[in-house]
Protein backbone atom coordinates (compact mmCIF):
# COMPACT_ATOMS: atom_id res chain seq x y z
CA MET A 1 19.22 -14.75 -2.82
CA ASP A 2 20.21 -12.58 0.37
CA ALA A 3 17.57 -10.11 1.69
CA ARG A 4 19.59 -7.02 0.31
CA THR A 5 19.27 -8.47 -3.38
CA ALA A 6 15.61 -9.06 -2.63
CA ARG A 7 15.24 -5.87 -1.38
CA PRO A 8 13.90 -3.81 -4.09
CA LEU A 9 11.16 -6.47 -4.70
CA LEU A 10 10.17 -5.67 -1.24
CA LEU A 11 9.92 -1.88 -2.02
CA LEU A 12 8.16 -2.67 -5.38
CA ALA A 13 5.32 -4.53 -3.59
CA LEU A 14 4.75 -1.62 -1.01
CA ILE A 15 4.53 0.80 -3.74
CA ALA A 16 2.01 -1.63 -5.37
CA GLY A 17 0.17 -2.55 -2.36
CA TRP A 18 -0.35 1.07 -1.07
CA SER A 19 -0.83 2.70 -4.47
CA PHE A 20 -4.07 0.51 -5.20
CA TYR A 21 -5.86 2.98 -2.20
CA ALA A 22 -5.82 5.01 -5.06
CA THR A 23 -9.10 3.10 -6.37
CA HIS A 24 -11.09 3.85 -3.54
CA TRP A 25 -11.16 7.34 -5.42
CA ILE A 26 -10.54 6.73 -9.03
CA ALA A 27 -12.06 4.19 -11.70
CA VAL A 28 -9.85 1.38 -13.13
CA PRO A 29 -10.91 -0.87 -15.65
CA LEU A 30 -11.69 -4.78 -14.44
CA ALA A 31 -8.16 -6.01 -15.67
CA ALA A 32 -6.10 -3.63 -14.33
CA SER A 33 -7.72 -3.23 -11.13
CA ALA A 34 -7.52 -7.40 -10.55
CA ALA A 35 -3.66 -7.00 -11.88
CA TRP A 36 -2.74 -3.89 -9.67
CA LYS A 37 -4.63 -5.40 -6.33
CA GLY A 38 -2.94 -8.92 -6.85
CA ALA A 39 0.64 -7.30 -7.38
CA GLY A 40 1.33 -6.09 -3.77
CA VAL A 41 0.58 -9.25 -2.07
CA GLY A 42 1.96 -10.73 -5.18
CA LEU A 43 5.25 -9.34 -5.05
CA LEU A 44 5.63 -10.14 -1.46
CA ALA A 45 5.09 -13.61 -2.02
CA ALA A 46 7.76 -13.47 -4.52
CA TRP A 47 10.16 -11.45 -1.94
CA ALA A 48 9.16 -14.38 0.19
CA ALA A 49 10.11 -17.07 -2.31
CA MET A 50 13.23 -15.72 -3.23
CA GLN A 51 14.87 -15.83 0.22
CA ALA A 52 12.95 -19.23 1.13
CA ARG A 53 15.48 -21.69 2.30
CA THR A 54 13.49 -24.05 4.40
CA ALA A 55 9.92 -25.37 4.47
CA ASP A 56 8.68 -22.66 6.61
CA GLY A 57 9.98 -20.15 4.04
CA TRP A 58 8.33 -22.00 1.31
CA LEU A 59 4.79 -21.77 3.77
CA ILE A 60 5.13 -17.96 4.35
CA ALA A 61 5.47 -17.69 0.38
CA GLY A 62 2.71 -20.05 -0.24
CA ALA A 63 0.28 -18.39 2.14
CA LEU A 64 1.12 -14.96 0.66
CA GLY A 65 0.54 -16.14 -2.69
CA LEU A 66 -2.51 -17.67 -2.31
CA TYR A 67 -4.10 -14.40 -0.66
CA ALA A 68 -2.73 -12.77 -3.93
CA LEU A 69 -4.82 -15.26 -5.95
CA GLY A 70 -7.79 -14.36 -3.59
CA ASP A 71 -7.59 -10.69 -4.01
CA VAL A 72 -7.48 -11.43 -8.05
CA LEU A 73 -9.96 -13.96 -7.91
CA ILE A 74 -12.67 -11.29 -5.64
CA GLU A 75 -12.22 -8.68 -8.70
CA THR A 76 -12.47 -11.16 -11.16
CA HIS A 77 -15.04 -13.91 -9.96
CA GLY A 78 -16.85 -12.09 -6.77
CA LEU A 79 -16.09 -12.43 -2.99
CA THR A 80 -17.21 -16.45 -2.28
CA ILE A 81 -14.80 -17.69 -5.12
CA GLY A 82 -12.09 -15.33 -3.74
CA ALA A 83 -12.70 -16.24 0.11
CA VAL A 84 -11.80 -19.85 -0.84
CA ALA A 85 -8.25 -19.02 -2.06
CA PHE A 86 -8.11 -16.97 0.82
CA LEU A 87 -9.20 -19.59 3.29
CA ALA A 88 -6.35 -21.98 1.65
CA GLY A 89 -4.10 -19.42 2.41
CA HIS A 90 -5.29 -19.38 6.27
CA LEU A 91 -4.82 -22.75 6.58
CA VAL A 92 -1.18 -23.03 4.64
CA ALA A 93 -0.51 -19.92 7.22
CA ALA A 94 -1.93 -21.53 10.02
CA ALA A 95 0.36 -24.58 9.44
CA LEU A 96 3.40 -22.45 9.61
CA TYR A 97 2.56 -20.94 12.88
CA LEU A 98 2.13 -24.22 14.30
CA ARG A 99 5.34 -25.56 13.32
CA ASN A 100 6.56 -22.57 15.24
CA ARG A 101 4.48 -22.87 18.03
CA SER A 102 5.52 -21.13 21.57
CA GLY A 103 2.19 -20.46 23.49
CA SER A 104 -0.68 -22.44 24.48
CA LEU A 105 -2.49 -23.98 21.76
CA TRP A 106 -5.92 -23.42 23.85
CA GLN A 107 -5.01 -19.59 23.56
CA ALA A 108 -5.22 -20.23 19.76
CA VAL A 109 -8.49 -21.98 19.95
CA VAL A 110 -10.15 -19.29 21.84
CA ILE A 111 -9.24 -16.67 19.64
CA ALA A 112 -10.47 -18.75 16.61
CA LEU A 113 -13.57 -19.57 18.18
CA THR A 114 -13.87 -15.66 19.21
CA VAL A 115 -13.26 -14.72 15.70
CA THR A 116 -15.72 -17.22 14.12
CA ALA A 117 -18.81 -15.96 16.34
CA ILE A 118 -18.18 -12.64 15.91
CA SER A 119 -18.36 -12.69 12.13
CA TRP A 120 -21.18 -15.19 12.18
CA ALA A 121 -23.01 -12.55 14.32
CA LEU A 122 -22.27 -9.96 11.73
CA PRO A 123 -24.41 -9.93 8.41
CA ALA A 124 -28.24 -9.46 8.48
CA ASP A 125 -28.86 -12.31 6.17
CA ARG A 126 -28.53 -15.18 8.17
CA SER A 127 -28.58 -17.58 5.52
CA ALA A 128 -24.78 -16.22 4.60
CA ALA A 129 -23.96 -16.87 8.31
CA PRO A 130 -22.88 -20.30 7.63
CA GLY A 131 -20.56 -19.91 4.79
CA ILE A 132 -19.12 -16.54 6.83
CA ALA A 133 -18.46 -18.85 9.84
CA LEU A 134 -16.74 -21.44 8.02
CA TYR A 135 -14.39 -18.80 6.44
CA ALA A 136 -13.99 -17.45 9.89
CA ALA A 137 -12.90 -20.64 11.43
CA GLY A 138 -9.81 -20.41 8.82
CA LEU A 139 -9.33 -16.71 9.48
CA GLY A 140 -9.53 -17.03 13.34
CA ALA A 141 -6.95 -20.22 13.32
CA MET A 142 -4.53 -18.04 11.25
CA PHE A 143 -4.79 -15.03 14.12
CA GLY A 144 -5.04 -17.59 16.94
CA THR A 145 -1.79 -19.38 15.85
CA ALA A 146 0.12 -16.37 14.60
CA ALA A 147 -0.73 -14.71 18.11
CA THR A 148 0.61 -18.14 19.90
CA SER A 149 3.63 -18.33 17.56
CA ARG A 150 7.61 -17.77 18.29
CA PHE A 151 7.15 -15.10 15.37
CA PRO A 152 7.89 -11.30 16.35
CA LEU A 153 4.87 -9.30 17.67
CA SER A 154 4.75 -7.75 14.00
CA VAL A 155 3.34 -11.18 12.76
CA ALA A 156 0.46 -10.99 15.49
CA MET A 157 -0.28 -7.42 14.73
CA GLY A 158 -0.41 -8.37 11.31
CA ALA A 159 -2.77 -10.97 11.50
CA ALA A 160 -4.74 -9.07 13.81
CA LEU A 161 -5.03 -6.21 10.99
CA PHE A 162 -6.25 -8.87 8.56
CA VAL A 163 -8.98 -10.19 10.97
CA PHE A 164 -9.75 -6.68 11.68
CA SER A 165 -9.62 -6.05 7.84
CA ASP A 166 -12.16 -9.05 7.08
CA LEU A 167 -14.84 -7.83 10.24
CA LEU A 168 -15.28 -4.97 8.22
CA ILE A 169 -16.40 -6.56 5.21
CA PHE A 170 -18.86 -8.84 6.97
CA GLY A 171 -20.00 -5.85 8.76
CA GLN A 172 -20.64 -4.22 5.51
CA LEU A 173 -23.52 -7.21 5.26
CA GLY A 174 -25.19 -5.65 8.68
CA PRO A 175 -24.49 -3.03 11.10
CA LEU A 176 -22.01 -1.22 9.01
CA ALA A 177 -24.14 -1.65 5.83
CA THR A 178 -24.66 2.34 5.75
CA SER A 179 -21.52 3.27 6.96
CA ALA A 180 -18.47 4.87 4.79
CA LEU A 181 -16.11 3.57 7.14
CA PRO A 182 -15.49 0.03 5.90
CA GLY A 183 -14.65 1.36 2.30
CA SER A 184 -11.89 3.61 3.98
CA LEU A 185 -10.32 1.00 6.23
CA ILE A 186 -10.54 -2.39 4.38
CA TRP A 187 -7.70 -2.32 2.32
CA PRO A 188 -5.13 -0.20 4.32
CA THR A 189 -5.91 -2.47 7.42
CA TYR A 190 -5.70 -5.51 5.08
CA PHE A 191 -2.29 -4.59 3.11
CA ALA A 192 -0.64 -3.38 6.30
CA GLY A 193 -1.42 -6.78 7.84
CA GLN A 194 0.06 -8.95 5.08
CA ALA A 195 3.06 -6.10 4.87
CA LEU A 196 3.59 -6.97 8.85
CA ILE A 197 3.09 -10.65 8.60
CA ALA A 198 5.47 -10.91 5.67
CA TRP A 199 7.97 -8.83 7.26
CA GLY A 200 7.85 -10.56 10.50
CA VAL A 201 7.82 -13.85 9.11
CA VAL A 202 11.00 -13.63 6.41
CA ARG A 203 13.15 -11.84 8.43
CA SER A 204 12.88 -14.26 11.26
CA ILE A 205 13.71 -16.93 8.99
CA THR A 206 16.50 -15.32 6.98
CA HIS A 207 18.11 -14.08 10.20
CA GLU A 208 18.01 -17.37 11.52
CA ASP A 209 19.01 -19.38 8.54
CA LEU A 210 22.19 -16.63 8.25
CA HIS A 211 23.37 -17.57 12.02
CA ASP A 212 22.97 -21.21 11.22
CA ARG A 213 25.34 -20.91 8.14
CA ILE A 214 27.77 -18.32 10.75
């Protein structure tokens, strides 16, 4: 399926994702909230899958699908279970970016270690720090490999927003526990990051596929 045919699905994904921010102010039943929350990134995954022709295309679709699963599981089973799906998504995304690496691997490692160290330092309950650090290692690897990949700058920017969103979550367990800022910013920075990643990777891949066919 070509990009024009898939475009309505992208529009639906953006509408679903951005409109979920309304739940910051309105109460929604759990089942509806879980479905609504998963719809934005889930539709981005479907949009990517509809255009996938290569391993890279299926990898970005798979990563987005795991992130959407994580969104749903956080609503239905809690943060820890959801984080497992997100960690799997980070590993798939990192594999995609490593397949398309253009920068230094050491730069990616430094970024990953920095994200891990910051995340480890944030929770006030130090017993939570090791689990957060484990997750953050995958998060940092995703960001580091995105930043050193050949994909457009929008992908690295999206990965940075993804990291910022998760750092706000970890901050709620420590220095931002009484702040209203995380609640206002976590979802918009997260979804903006996912949309930028999906757009940058998919458009890059489909453009190359079109060029190869020509």
